[in-house]
Amino acid sequence: MQTKFDELLEFPCAFPFKVLGNASDTLADRVVAVLQQHAPGDYTPTQKASTKGTYLSVTVTCTVTSKEHVELLYTELSKIDGVRGVL
């Protein structure tokens, strides 16, 4: 995957991840669990349900240390069961 995070950001920096997935009471906890594995910290996710309540978006800001770190987090977050996309 060729990204330009290294050209656009100065590391370390705060980086917001928005995870879109099927509506679930545990989605935010699972997102935070993945972040804790790769970037331990104190996270306070915000959640927003879709209009019909079918999907949920979880936004969490995380401190990233490199382009590779950002790419790793995108990859790992997208592997969470029920996740439809990571922005």
Protein backbone atom coordinates (compact mmCIF):
# COMPACT_ATOMS: atom_id res chain seq x y z
CA MET A 1 0.00 0.00 0.00
CA GLN A 2 1.50 3.33 -1.06
CA THR A 3 0.31 6.20 1.12
CA LYS A 4 1.60 9.73 1.59
CA PHE A 5 1.08 10.01 5.34
CA ASP A 6 4.80 10.68 5.78
CA GLU A 7 4.59 13.68 3.41
CA LEU A 8 1.42 15.09 4.96
CA LEU A 9 2.01 14.61 8.69
CA GLU A 10 4.72 15.25 11.24
CA PHE A 11 5.15 12.34 13.64
CA PRO A 12 4.26 11.72 16.38
CA CYS A 13 0.82 13.28 15.99
CA ALA A 14 -2.82 12.85 16.98
CA PHE A 15 -4.70 11.01 14.23
CA PRO A 16 -8.47 10.43 14.18
CA PHE A 17 -9.74 7.04 13.05
CA LYS A 18 -13.41 6.61 12.14
CA VAL A 19 -14.50 2.99 12.12
CA LEU A 20 -17.80 2.19 10.41
CA GLY A 21 -19.46 -1.07 11.27
CA ASN A 22 -22.64 -2.99 11.90
CA ALA A 23 -24.48 -1.60 14.92
CA SER A 24 -23.19 -3.40 18.03
CA ASP A 25 -22.95 -2.62 21.73
CA THR A 26 -19.35 -3.86 21.69
CA LEU A 27 -17.95 -2.19 18.56
CA ALA A 28 -16.37 0.74 20.44
CA ASP A 29 -14.78 -1.65 22.97
CA ARG A 30 -13.35 -3.80 20.18
CA VAL A 31 -11.92 -0.72 18.41
CA VAL A 32 -10.27 0.46 21.63
CA ALA A 33 -8.90 -3.06 22.27
CA VAL A 34 -7.14 -3.05 18.87
CA LEU A 35 -5.75 0.44 19.49
CA GLN A 36 -4.48 -0.62 22.93
CA GLN A 37 -2.52 -3.48 21.32
CA HIS A 38 -0.69 -1.21 18.88
CA ALA A 39 -0.80 2.23 20.53
CA PRO A 40 -1.52 1.98 24.27
CA GLY A 41 -3.28 5.02 25.64
CA ASP A 42 -6.35 6.45 27.30
CA TYR A 43 -9.11 6.48 24.68
CA THR A 44 -12.56 8.03 24.74
CA PRO A 45 -14.41 6.92 21.60
CA THR A 46 -17.40 8.83 20.30
CA GLN A 47 -20.22 6.88 18.68
CA LYS A 48 -22.93 7.83 16.24
CA ALA A 49 -25.65 5.52 14.97
CA SER A 50 -26.92 5.69 11.40
CA THR A 51 -30.40 7.09 10.82
CA LYS A 52 -31.98 3.63 10.72
CA GLY A 53 -29.72 2.29 13.47
CA THR A 54 -28.21 -0.37 11.21
CA TYR A 55 -24.66 0.97 11.37
CA LEU A 56 -22.46 2.65 13.92
CA SER A 57 -19.49 4.93 13.49
CA VAL A 58 -16.86 4.99 16.22
CA THR A 59 -14.34 7.83 16.16
CA VAL A 60 -11.17 7.66 18.23
CA THR A 61 -8.13 9.92 18.15
CA CYS A 62 -4.86 8.07 18.60
CA THR A 63 -1.21 9.15 18.77
CA VAL A 64 0.65 7.66 15.82
CA THR A 65 4.41 7.56 15.47
CA SER A 66 5.04 6.84 11.78
CA LYS A 67 3.49 6.25 8.37
CA GLU A 68 3.81 2.51 9.00
CA HIS A 69 2.02 2.89 12.34
CA VAL A 70 -0.97 4.58 10.64
CA GLU A 71 -1.09 1.88 7.96
CA LEU A 72 -0.88 -0.90 10.57
CA LEU A 73 -3.78 0.60 12.53
CA TYR A 74 -5.92 0.92 9.38
CA THR A 75 -5.21 -2.72 8.56
CA GLU A 76 -5.88 -4.04 12.08
CA LEU A 77 -9.03 -1.95 12.62
CA SER A 78 -10.47 -3.17 9.31
CA LYS A 79 -10.07 -6.80 10.50
CA ILE A 80 -12.54 -6.32 13.38
CA ASP A 81 -15.63 -8.48 12.92
CA GLY A 82 -18.52 -6.45 11.53
CA VAL A 83 -16.40 -3.49 10.39
CA ARG A 84 -17.39 -2.15 6.97
CA GLY A 85 -14.68 0.48 6.60
CA VAL A 86 -12.08 2.65 8.30
CA LEU A 87 -11.64 6.32 7.45
